[in-house]
């Protein structure tokens, strides 16, 4: 049975990394149109503000004043990159 120890440990790391990825890293309420991830600068035109929630995975969820939500996933970590980032931060 010991031949499976590495696989079992890797699966534990993967599950832990996925749990960690879903946790909030930062919350930013702003009216800036120059965020590095922002592909929707129209959301903050004319001083309108938004609420951006960044998760440990890199996923960013934007909420507009109207309650409408958008998700930026350009920099979202997955697979081995996610496990590596989790290992570095824990």
PDB file of N, CA and C in Angstrom:
ATOM      1  N   UNK A   1       0.803  -1.205   0.000  1.00  0.00           N
ATOM      2  CA  UNK A   1       0.000   0.000   0.000  1.00  0.00           C
ATOM      3  C   UNK A   1       0.846   1.270   0.000  1.00  0.00           C
ATOM      4  N   UNK A   2       2.057   1.184   0.451  1.00  0.00           N
ATOM      5  CA  UNK A   2       2.888   2.385   0.533  1.00  0.00           C
ATOM      6  C   UNK A   2       3.231   2.957  -0.841  1.00  0.00           C
ATOM      7  N   UNK A   3       3.027   2.200  -1.913  1.00  0.00           N
ATOM      8  CA  UNK A   3       3.317   2.716  -3.244  1.00  0.00           C
ATOM      9  C   UNK A   3       2.352   3.839  -3.639  1.00  0.00           C
ATOM     10  N   UNK A   4       1.254   3.996  -2.920  1.00  0.00           N
ATOM     11  CA  UNK A   4       0.262   5.018  -3.237  1.00  0.00           C
ATOM     12  C   UNK A   4       0.385   6.264  -2.357  1.00  0.00           C
ATOM     13  N   UNK A   5       1.329   6.271  -1.425  1.00  0.00           N
ATOM     14  CA  UNK A   5       1.470   7.406  -0.511  1.00  0.00           C
ATOM     15  C   UNK A   5       1.664   8.725  -1.242  1.00  0.00           C
ATOM     16  N   UNK A   6       2.490   8.740  -2.293  1.00  0.00           N
ATOM     17  CA  UNK A   6       2.733   9.973  -3.052  1.00  0.00           C
ATOM     18  C   UNK A   6       1.460  10.475  -3.725  1.00  0.00           C
ATOM     19  N   UNK A   7       0.698   9.545  -4.282  1.00  0.00           N
ATOM     20  CA  UNK A   7      -0.556   9.941  -4.947  1.00  0.00           C
ATOM     21  C   UNK A   7      -1.563  10.494  -3.935  1.00  0.00           C
ATOM     22  N   UNK A   8      -1.657   9.853  -2.804  1.00  0.00           N
ATOM     23  CA  UNK A   8      -2.593  10.299  -1.768  1.00  0.00           C
ATOM     24  C   UNK A   8      -2.183  11.680  -1.258  1.00  0.00           C
ATOM     25  N   UNK A   9      -0.898  11.885  -1.032  1.00  0.00           N
ATOM     26  CA  UNK A   9      -0.408  13.186  -0.552  1.00  0.00           C
ATOM     27  C   UNK A   9      -0.652  14.265  -1.598  1.00  0.00           C
ATOM     28  N   UNK A  10      -0.441  13.951  -2.864  1.00  0.00           N
ATOM     29  CA  UNK A  10      -0.675  14.918  -3.943  1.00  0.00           C
ATOM     30  C   UNK A  10      -2.153  15.306  -3.998  1.00  0.00           C
ATOM     31  N   UNK A  11      -3.030  14.340  -3.818  1.00  0.00           N
ATOM     32  CA  UNK A  11      -4.470  14.625  -3.810  1.00  0.00           C
ATOM     33  C   UNK A  11      -4.835  15.504  -2.625  1.00  0.00           C
ATOM     34  N   UNK A  12      -4.222  15.265  -1.455  1.00  0.00           N
ATOM     35  CA  UNK A  12      -4.455  16.126  -0.289  1.00  0.00           C
ATOM     36  C   UNK A  12      -4.037  17.555  -0.586  1.00  0.00           C
ATOM     37  N   UNK A  13      -2.868  17.714  -1.216  1.00  0.00           N
ATOM     38  CA  UNK A  13      -2.388  19.051  -1.571  1.00  0.00           C
ATOM     39  C   UNK A  13      -3.338  19.732  -2.551  1.00  0.00           C
ATOM     40  N   UNK A  14      -3.821  18.975  -3.517  1.00  0.00           N
ATOM     41  CA  UNK A  14      -4.736  19.533  -4.523  1.00  0.00           C
ATOM     42  C   UNK A  14      -6.024  20.024  -3.865  1.00  0.00           C
ATOM     43  N   UNK A  15      -6.590  19.225  -2.983  1.00  0.00           N
ATOM     44  CA  UNK A  15      -7.839  19.602  -2.300  1.00  0.00           C
ATOM     45  C   UNK A  15      -7.603  20.830  -1.418  1.00  0.00           C
ATOM     46  N   UNK A  16      -6.494  20.843  -0.686  1.00  0.00           N
ATOM     47  CA  UNK A  16      -6.172  21.989   0.168  1.00  0.00           C
ATOM     48  C   UNK A  16      -5.959  23.244  -0.676  1.00  0.00           C
ATOM     49  N   UNK A  17      -5.294  23.115  -1.818  1.00  0.00           N
ATOM     50  CA  UNK A  17      -5.050  24.256  -2.702  1.00  0.00           C
ATOM     51  C   UNK A  17      -6.356  24.796  -3.269  1.00  0.00           C
ATOM     52  N   UNK A  18      -7.269  23.913  -3.632  1.00  0.00           N
ATOM     53  CA  UNK A  18      -8.566  24.348  -4.159  1.00  0.00           C
ATOM     54  C   UNK A  18      -9.384  25.070  -3.091  1.00  0.00           C
ATOM     55  N   UNK A  19      -9.326  24.604  -1.847  1.00  0.00           N
ATOM     56  CA  UNK A  19     -10.007  25.302  -0.743  1.00  0.00           C
ATOM     57  C   UNK A  19      -9.398  26.678  -0.527  1.00  0.00           C
ATOM     58  N   UNK A  20      -8.068  26.759  -0.534  1.00  0.00           N
ATOM     59  CA  UNK A  20      -7.346  28.015  -0.345  1.00  0.00           C
ATOM     60  C   UNK A  20      -7.665  28.984  -1.482  1.00  0.00           C
ATOM     61  N   UNK A  21      -7.758  28.485  -2.716  1.00  0.00           N
ATOM     62  CA  UNK A  21      -8.007  29.316  -3.896  1.00  0.00           C
ATOM     63  C   UNK A  21      -9.342  30.045  -3.812  1.00  0.00           C
ATOM     64  N   UNK A  22     -10.314  29.463  -3.137  1.00  0.00           N
ATOM     65  CA  UNK A  22     -11.657  30.041  -3.046  1.00  0.00           C
ATOM     66  C   UNK A  22     -11.771  31.116  -1.966  1.00  0.00           C
ATOM     67  N   UNK A  23     -10.714  31.324  -1.198  1.00  0.00           N
ATOM     68  CA  UNK A  23     -10.751  32.319  -0.117  1.00  0.00           C
ATOM     69  C   UNK A  23     -10.345  33.702  -0.634  1.00  0.00           C
ATOM     70  N   UNK A  24     -10.901  34.738  -0.010  1.00  0.00           N
ATOM     71  CA  UNK A  24     -10.664  36.116  -0.415  1.00  0.00           C
ATOM     72  C   UNK A  24      -9.247  36.548  -0.057  1.00  0.00           C
ATOM     73  N   UNK A  25      -8.577  37.137  -1.039  1.00  0.00           N
ATOM     74  CA  UNK A  25      -7.234  37.679  -0.844  1.00  0.00           C
ATOM     75  C   UNK A  25      -7.295  39.178  -0.578  1.00  0.00           C
ATOM     76  N   UNK A  26      -8.165  39.895  -1.315  1.00  0.00           N
ATOM     77  CA  UNK A  26      -8.257  41.347  -1.171  1.00  0.00           C
ATOM     78  C   UNK A  26      -9.627  41.837  -1.632  1.00  0.00           C
ATOM     79  N   UNK A  27     -10.066  42.929  -1.022  1.00  0.00           N
ATOM     80  CA  UNK A  27     -11.298  43.610  -1.427  1.00  0.00           C
ATOM     81  C   UNK A  27     -10.927  45.051  -1.723  1.00  0.00           C
ATOM     82  N   UNK A  28     -11.363  45.543  -2.885  1.00  0.00           N
ATOM     83  CA  UNK A  28     -10.975  46.879  -3.311  1.00  0.00           C
ATOM     84  C   UNK A  28     -12.188  47.608  -3.885  1.00  0.00           C
ATOM     85  N   UNK A  29     -12.661  48.628  -3.170  1.00  0.00           N
ATOM     86  CA  UNK A  29     -13.738  49.486  -3.671  1.00  0.00           C
ATOM     87  C   UNK A  29     -13.060  50.703  -4.291  1.00  0.00           C
ATOM     88  N   UNK A  30     -13.355  50.980  -5.560  1.00  0.00           N
ATOM     89  CA  UNK A  30     -12.632  52.058  -6.252  1.00  0.00           C
ATOM     90  C   UNK A  30     -13.403  52.580  -7.451  1.00  0.00           C
ATOM     91  N   UNK A  31     -12.854  53.652  -8.024  1.00  0.00           N
ATOM     92  CA  UNK A  31     -13.388  54.206  -9.263  1.00  0.00           C
ATOM     93  C   UNK A  31     -12.257  54.419 -10.268  1.00  0.00           C
ATOM     94  N   UNK A  32     -11.244  53.571 -10.215  1.00  0.00           N
ATOM     95  CA  UNK A  32     -10.092  53.655 -11.106  1.00  0.00           C
ATOM     96  C   UNK A  32     -10.333  52.845 -12.372  1.00  0.00           C
ATOM     97  N   UNK A  33      -9.896  53.370 -13.490  1.00  0.00           N
ATOM     98  CA  UNK A  33     -10.025  52.649 -14.747  1.00  0.00           C
ATOM     99  C   UNK A  33      -8.703  52.073 -15.203  1.00  0.00           C
ATOM    100  N   UNK A  34      -7.734  52.020 -14.303  1.00  0.00           N
ATOM    101  CA  UNK A  34      -6.383  51.621 -14.709  1.00  0.00           C
ATOM    102  C   UNK A  34      -5.860  50.393 -13.975  1.00  0.00           C
ATOM    103  N   UNK A  35      -6.732  49.544 -13.479  1.00  0.00           N
ATOM    104  CA  UNK A  35      -6.287  48.331 -12.801  1.00  0.00           C
ATOM    105  C   UNK A  35      -5.672  47.389 -13.833  1.00  0.00           C
ATOM    106  N   UNK A  36      -4.614  46.665 -13.460  1.00  0.00           N
ATOM    107  CA  UNK A  36      -3.874  45.832 -14.414  1.00  0.00           C
ATOM    108  C   UNK A  36      -4.751  44.768 -15.072  1.00  0.00           C
ATOM    109  N   UNK A  37      -5.778  44.327 -14.418  1.00  0.00           N
ATOM    110  CA  UNK A  37      -6.632  43.252 -14.924  1.00  0.00           C
ATOM    111  C   UNK A  37      -7.879  43.766 -15.629  1.00  0.00           C
ATOM    112  N   UNK A  38      -8.086  45.067 -15.569  1.00  0.00           N
ATOM    113  CA  UNK A  38      -9.361  45.660 -15.986  1.00  0.00           C
ATOM    114  C   UNK A  38      -9.529  45.682 -17.499  1.00  0.00           C
ATOM    115  N   UNK A  39     -10.458  44.902 -17.986  1.00  0.00           N
ATOM    116  CA  UNK A  39     -10.822  44.919 -19.405  1.00  0.00           C
ATOM    117  C   UNK A  39     -12.159  45.626 -19.599  1.00  0.00           C
ATOM    118  N   UNK A  40     -12.651  46.235 -18.521  1.00  0.00           N
ATOM    119  CA  UNK A  40     -13.934  46.920 -18.557  1.00  0.00           C
ATOM    120  C   UNK A  40     -13.800  48.323 -17.947  1.00  0.00           C
ATOM    121  N   UNK A  41     -12.981  49.199 -18.541  1.00  0.00           N
ATOM    122  CA  UNK A  41     -12.807  50.541 -17.967  1.00  0.00           C
ATOM    123  C   UNK A  41     -14.088  51.374 -17.983  1.00  0.00           C
ATOM    124  N   UNK A  42     -15.043  50.991 -18.799  1.00  0.00           N
ATOM    125  CA  UNK A  42     -16.321  51.717 -18.845  1.00  0.00           C
ATOM    126  C   UNK A  42     -17.085  51.606 -17.521  1.00  0.00           C
ATOM    127  N   UNK A  43     -16.773  50.593 -16.717  1.00  0.00           N
ATOM    128  CA  UNK A  43     -17.451  50.422 -15.434  1.00  0.00           C
ATOM    129  C   UNK A  43     -17.163  51.569 -14.470  1.00  0.00           C
ATOM    130  N   UNK A  44     -16.020  52.231 -14.644  1.00  0.00           N
ATOM    131  CA  UNK A  44     -15.622  53.299 -13.714  1.00  0.00           C
ATOM    132  C   UNK A  44     -15.584  54.673 -14.384  1.00  0.00           C
ATOM    133  N   UNK A  45     -16.139  54.784 -15.584  1.00  0.00           N
ATOM    134  CA  UNK A  45     -16.195  56.087 -16.255  1.00  0.00           C
ATOM    135  C   UNK A  45     -17.066  57.053 -15.464  1.00  0.00           C
ATOM    136  N   UNK A  46     -16.734  58.320 -15.551  1.00  0.00           N
ATOM    137  CA  UNK A  46     -17.510  59.392 -14.910  1.00  0.00           C
ATOM    138  C   UNK A  46     -17.607  59.218 -13.401  1.00  0.00           C
ATOM    139  N   UNK A  47     -16.559  58.654 -12.785  1.00  0.00           N
ATOM    140  CA  UNK A  47     -16.511  58.542 -11.329  1.00  0.00           C
ATOM    141  C   UNK A  47     -17.356  57.430 -10.733  1.00  0.00           C
ATOM    142  N   UNK A  48     -17.910  56.547 -11.572  1.00  0.00           N
ATOM    143  CA  UNK A  48     -18.685  55.422 -11.029  1.00  0.00           C
ATOM    144  C   UNK A  48     -17.737  54.503 -10.257  1.00  0.00           C
ATOM    145  N   UNK A  49     -18.221  53.945  -9.178  1.00  0.00           N
ATOM    146  CA  UNK A  49     -17.361  53.058  -8.389  1.00  0.00           C
ATOM    147  C   UNK A  49     -17.804  51.607  -8.502  1.00  0.00           C
ATOM    148  N   UNK A  50     -16.852  50.732  -8.227  1.00  0.00           N
ATOM    149  CA  UNK A  50     -17.065  49.288  -8.297  1.00  0.00           C
ATOM    150  C   UNK A  50     -16.446  48.644  -7.064  1.00  0.00           C
ATOM    151  N   UNK A  51     -16.812  47.402  -6.830  1.00  0.00           N
ATOM    152  CA  UNK A  51     -16.215  46.617  -5.759  1.00  0.00           C
ATOM    153  C   UNK A  51     -15.573  45.390  -6.404  1.00  0.00           C
ATOM    154  N   UNK A  52     -14.242  45.300  -6.285  1.00  0.00           N
ATOM    155  CA  UNK A  52     -13.513  44.157  -6.838  1.00  0.00           C
ATOM    156  C   UNK A  52     -13.057  43.270  -5.689  1.00  0.00           C
ATOM    157  N   UNK A  53     -13.393  41.988  -5.769  1.00  0.00           N
ATOM    158  CA  UNK A  53     -12.968  41.004  -4.775  1.00  0.00           C
ATOM    159  C   UNK A  53     -11.995  40.061  -5.465  1.00  0.00           C
ATOM    160  N   UNK A  54     -10.753  40.011  -4.954  1.00  0.00           N
ATOM    161  CA  UNK A  54      -9.731  39.134  -5.511  1.00  0.00           C
ATOM    162  C   UNK A  54      -9.601  37.898  -4.629  1.00  0.00           C
ATOM    163  N   UNK A  55      -9.574  36.748  -5.268  1.00  0.00           N
ATOM    164  CA  UNK A  55      -9.439  35.477  -4.558  1.00  0.00           C
ATOM    165  C   UNK A  55      -8.007  34.978  -4.686  1.00  0.00           C
ATOM    166  N   UNK A  56      -7.605  34.064  -3.819  1.00  0.00           N
ATOM    167  CA  UNK A  56      -6.240  33.541  -3.839  1.00  0.00           C
ATOM    168  C   UNK A  56      -5.878  32.906  -5.179  1.00  0.00           C
ATOM    169  N   UNK A  57      -6.852  32.439  -5.911  1.00  0.00           N
ATOM    170  CA  UNK A  57      -6.594  31.820  -7.218  1.00  0.00           C
ATOM    171  C   UNK A  57      -6.225  32.846  -8.273  1.00  0.00           C
ATOM    172  N   UNK A  58      -6.463  34.132  -7.976  1.00  0.00           N
ATOM    173  CA  UNK A  58      -6.236  35.177  -8.960  1.00  0.00           C
ATOM    174  C   UNK A  58      -7.522  35.643  -9.622  1.00  0.00           C
ATOM    175  N   UNK A  59      -8.575  34.904  -9.438  1.00  0.00           N
ATOM    176  CA  UNK A  59      -9.894  35.278  -9.979  1.00  0.00           C
ATOM    177  C   UNK A  59     -10.352  36.562  -9.316  1.00  0.00           C
ATOM    178  N   UNK A  60     -10.918  37.480 -10.104  1.00  0.00           N
ATOM    179  CA  UNK A  60     -11.410  38.748  -9.571  1.00  0.00           C
ATOM    180  C   UNK A  60     -12.871  38.893  -9.971  1.00  0.00           C
ATOM    181  N   UNK A  61     -13.700  39.151  -8.975  1.00  0.00           N
ATOM    182  CA  UNK A  61     -15.139  39.318  -9.195  1.00  0.00           C
ATOM    183  C   UNK A  61     -15.479  40.781  -8.968  1.00  0.00           C
ATOM    184  N   UNK A  62     -16.042  41.418  -9.977  1.00  0.00           N
ATOM    185  CA  UNK A  62     -16.413  42.841  -9.903  1.00  0.00           C
ATOM    186  C   UNK A  62     -17.916  42.970  -9.738  1.00  0.00           C
ATOM    187  N   UNK A  63     -18.327  43.807  -8.775  1.00  0.00           N
ATOM    188  CA  UNK A  63     -19.735  44.109  -8.567  1.00  0.00           C
ATOM    189  C   UNK A  63     -19.949  45.593  -8.848  1.00  0.00           C
ATOM    190  N   UNK A  64     -20.894  45.892  -9.733  1.00  0.00           N
ATOM    191  CA  UNK A  64     -21.237  47.275 -10.056  1.00  0.00           C
ATOM    192  C   UNK A  64     -22.266  47.794  -9.062  1.00  0.00           C
ATOM    193  N   UNK A  65     -22.482  49.109  -9.074  1.00  0.00           N
ATOM    194  CA  UNK A  65     -23.495  49.709  -8.206  1.00  0.00           C
ATOM    195  C   UNK A  65     -24.874  49.100  -8.431  1.00  0.00           C
ATOM    196  N   UNK A  66     -25.142  48.667  -9.653  1.00  0.00           N
ATOM    197  CA  UNK A  66     -26.442  48.079 -10.000  1.00  0.00           C
ATOM    198  C   UNK A  66     -26.609  46.659  -9.455  1.00  0.00           C
ATOM    199  N   UNK A  67     -25.518  46.078  -8.944  1.00  0.00           N
ATOM    200  CA  UNK A  67     -25.557  44.704  -8.456  1.00  0.00           C
ATOM    201  C   UNK A  67     -25.090  43.694  -9.494  1.00  0.00           C
ATOM    202  N   UNK A  68     -24.907  44.159 -10.714  1.00  0.00           N
ATOM    203  CA  UNK A  68     -24.423  43.299 -11.788  1.00  0.00           C
ATOM    204  C   UNK A  68     -22.984  42.848 -11.485  1.00  0.00           C
ATOM    205  N   UNK A  69     -22.655  41.593 -11.827  1.00  0.00           N
ATOM    206  CA  UNK A  69     -21.326  41.046 -11.527  1.00  0.00           C
ATOM    207  C   UNK A  69     -20.618  40.597 -12.791  1.00  0.00           C
ATOM    208  N   UNK A  70     -19.292  40.784 -12.773  1.00  0.00           N
ATOM    209  CA  UNK A  70     -18.427  40.331 -13.855  1.00  0.00           C
ATOM    210  C   UNK A  70     -17.227  39.642 -13.237  1.00  0.00           C
ATOM    211  N   UNK A  71     -16.680  38.672 -13.934  1.00  0.00           N
ATOM    212  CA  UNK A  71     -15.542  37.919 -13.414  1.00  0.00           C
ATOM    213  C   UNK A  71     -14.368  38.045 -14.381  1.00  0.00           C
ATOM    214  N   UNK A  72     -13.215  38.420 -13.822  1.00  0.00           N
ATOM    215  CA  UNK A  72     -11.968  38.471 -14.579  1.00  0.00           C
ATOM    216  C   UNK A  72     -11.187  37.204 -14.242  1.00  0.00           C
ATOM    217  N   UNK A  73     -10.844  36.421 -15.242  1.00  0.00           N
ATOM    218  CA  UNK A  73     -10.111  35.174 -14.994  1.00  0.00           C
ATOM    219  C   UNK A  73      -8.810  35.121 -15.787  1.00  0.00           C
ATOM    220  N   UNK A  74      -8.343  36.253 -16.284  1.00  0.00           N
ATOM    221  CA  UNK A  74      -7.121  36.281 -17.095  1.00  0.00           C
ATOM    222  C   UNK A  74      -5.924  35.713 -16.352  1.00  0.00           C
ATOM    223  N   UNK A  75      -5.879  35.892 -15.046  1.00  0.00           N
ATOM    224  CA  UNK A  75      -4.713  35.500 -14.257  1.00  0.00           C
ATOM    225  C   UNK A  75      -5.041  34.395 -13.257  1.00  0.00           C
ATOM    226  N   UNK A  76      -6.101  33.667 -13.471  1.00  0.00           N
ATOM    227  CA  UNK A  76      -6.524  32.639 -12.519  1.00  0.00           C
ATOM    228  C   UNK A  76      -5.595  31.427 -12.556  1.00  0.00           C
ATOM    229  N   UNK A  77      -5.111  31.035 -11.379  1.00  0.00           N
ATOM    230  CA  UNK A  77      -4.221  29.885 -11.254  1.00  0.00           C
ATOM    231  C   UNK A  77      -5.026  28.593 -11.275  1.00  0.00           C
ATOM    232  N   UNK A  78      -4.490  27.592 -11.953  1.00  0.00           N
ATOM    233  CA  UNK A  78      -5.134  26.281 -12.012  1.00  0.00           C
ATOM    234  C   UNK A  78      -4.066  25.205 -12.038  1.00  0.00           C
ATOM    235  N   UNK A  79      -4.440  23.999 -11.696  1.00  0.00           N
ATOM    236  CA  UNK A  79      -3.563  22.842 -11.792  1.00  0.00           C
ATOM    237  C   UNK A  79      -2.292  22.981 -10.972  1.00  0.00           C
ATOM    238  N   UNK A  80      -1.173  22.669 -11.612  1.00  0.00           N
ATOM    239  CA  UNK A  80       0.128  22.685 -10.929  1.00  0.00           C
ATOM    240  C   UNK A  80       0.507  24.082 -10.443  1.00  0.00           C
ATOM    241  N   UNK A  81       0.142  25.123 -11.216  1.00  0.00           N
ATOM    242  CA  UNK A  81       0.443  26.501 -10.795  1.00  0.00           C
ATOM    243  C   UNK A  81      -0.272  26.834  -9.488  1.00  0.00           C
ATOM    244  N   UNK A  82      -1.499  26.387  -9.356  1.00  0.00           N
ATOM    245  CA  UNK A  82      -2.269  26.622  -8.142  1.00  0.00           C
ATOM    246  C   UNK A  82      -1.639  25.907  -6.956  1.00  0.00           C
ATOM    247  N   UNK A  83      -1.279  24.655  -7.134  1.00  0.00           N
ATOM    248  CA  UNK A  83      -0.661  23.885  -6.051  1.00  0.00           C
ATOM    249  C   UNK A  83       0.659  24.526  -5.637  1.00  0.00           C
ATOM    250  N   UNK A  84       1.425  24.980  -6.609  1.00  0.00           N
ATOM    251  CA  UNK A  84       2.704  25.635  -6.309  1.00  0.00           C
ATOM    252  C   UNK A  84       2.499  26.932  -5.522  1.00  0.00           C
ATOM    253  N   UNK A  85       1.532  27.755  -5.948  1.00  0.00           N
ATOM    254  CA  UNK A  85       1.244  29.006  -5.233  1.00  0.00           C
ATOM    255  C   UNK A  85       0.762  28.728  -3.812  1.00  0.00           C
ATOM    256  N   UNK A  86      -0.071  27.716  -3.658  1.00  0.00           N
ATOM    257  CA  UNK A  86      -0.553  27.328  -2.338  1.00  0.00           C
ATOM    258  C   UNK A  86       0.607  26.902  -1.455  1.00  0.00           C
ATOM    259  N   UNK A  87       1.514  26.104  -1.989  1.00  0.00           N
ATOM    260  CA  UNK A  87       2.673  25.618  -1.220  1.00  0.00           C
ATOM    261  C   UNK A  87       3.569  26.780  -0.801  1.00  0.00           C
ATOM    262  N   UNK A  88       3.726  27.773  -1.641  1.00  0.00           N
ATOM    263  CA  UNK A  88       4.557  28.927  -1.323  1.00  0.00           C
ATOM    264  C   UNK A  88       3.945  29.801  -0.226  1.00  0.00           C
ATOM    265  N   UNK A  89       2.627  29.821  -0.163  1.00  0.00           N
ATOM    266  CA  UNK A  89       1.924  30.698   0.784  1.00  0.00           C
ATOM    267  C   UNK A  89       1.518  29.996   2.065  1.00  0.00           C
ATOM    268  N   UNK A  90       1.771  28.706   2.191  1.00  0.00           N
ATOM    269  CA  UNK A  90       1.377  27.969   3.393  1.00  0.00           C
ATOM    270  C   UNK A  90       2.495  27.089   3.877  1.00  0.00           C
TER     271      UNK A  90
END
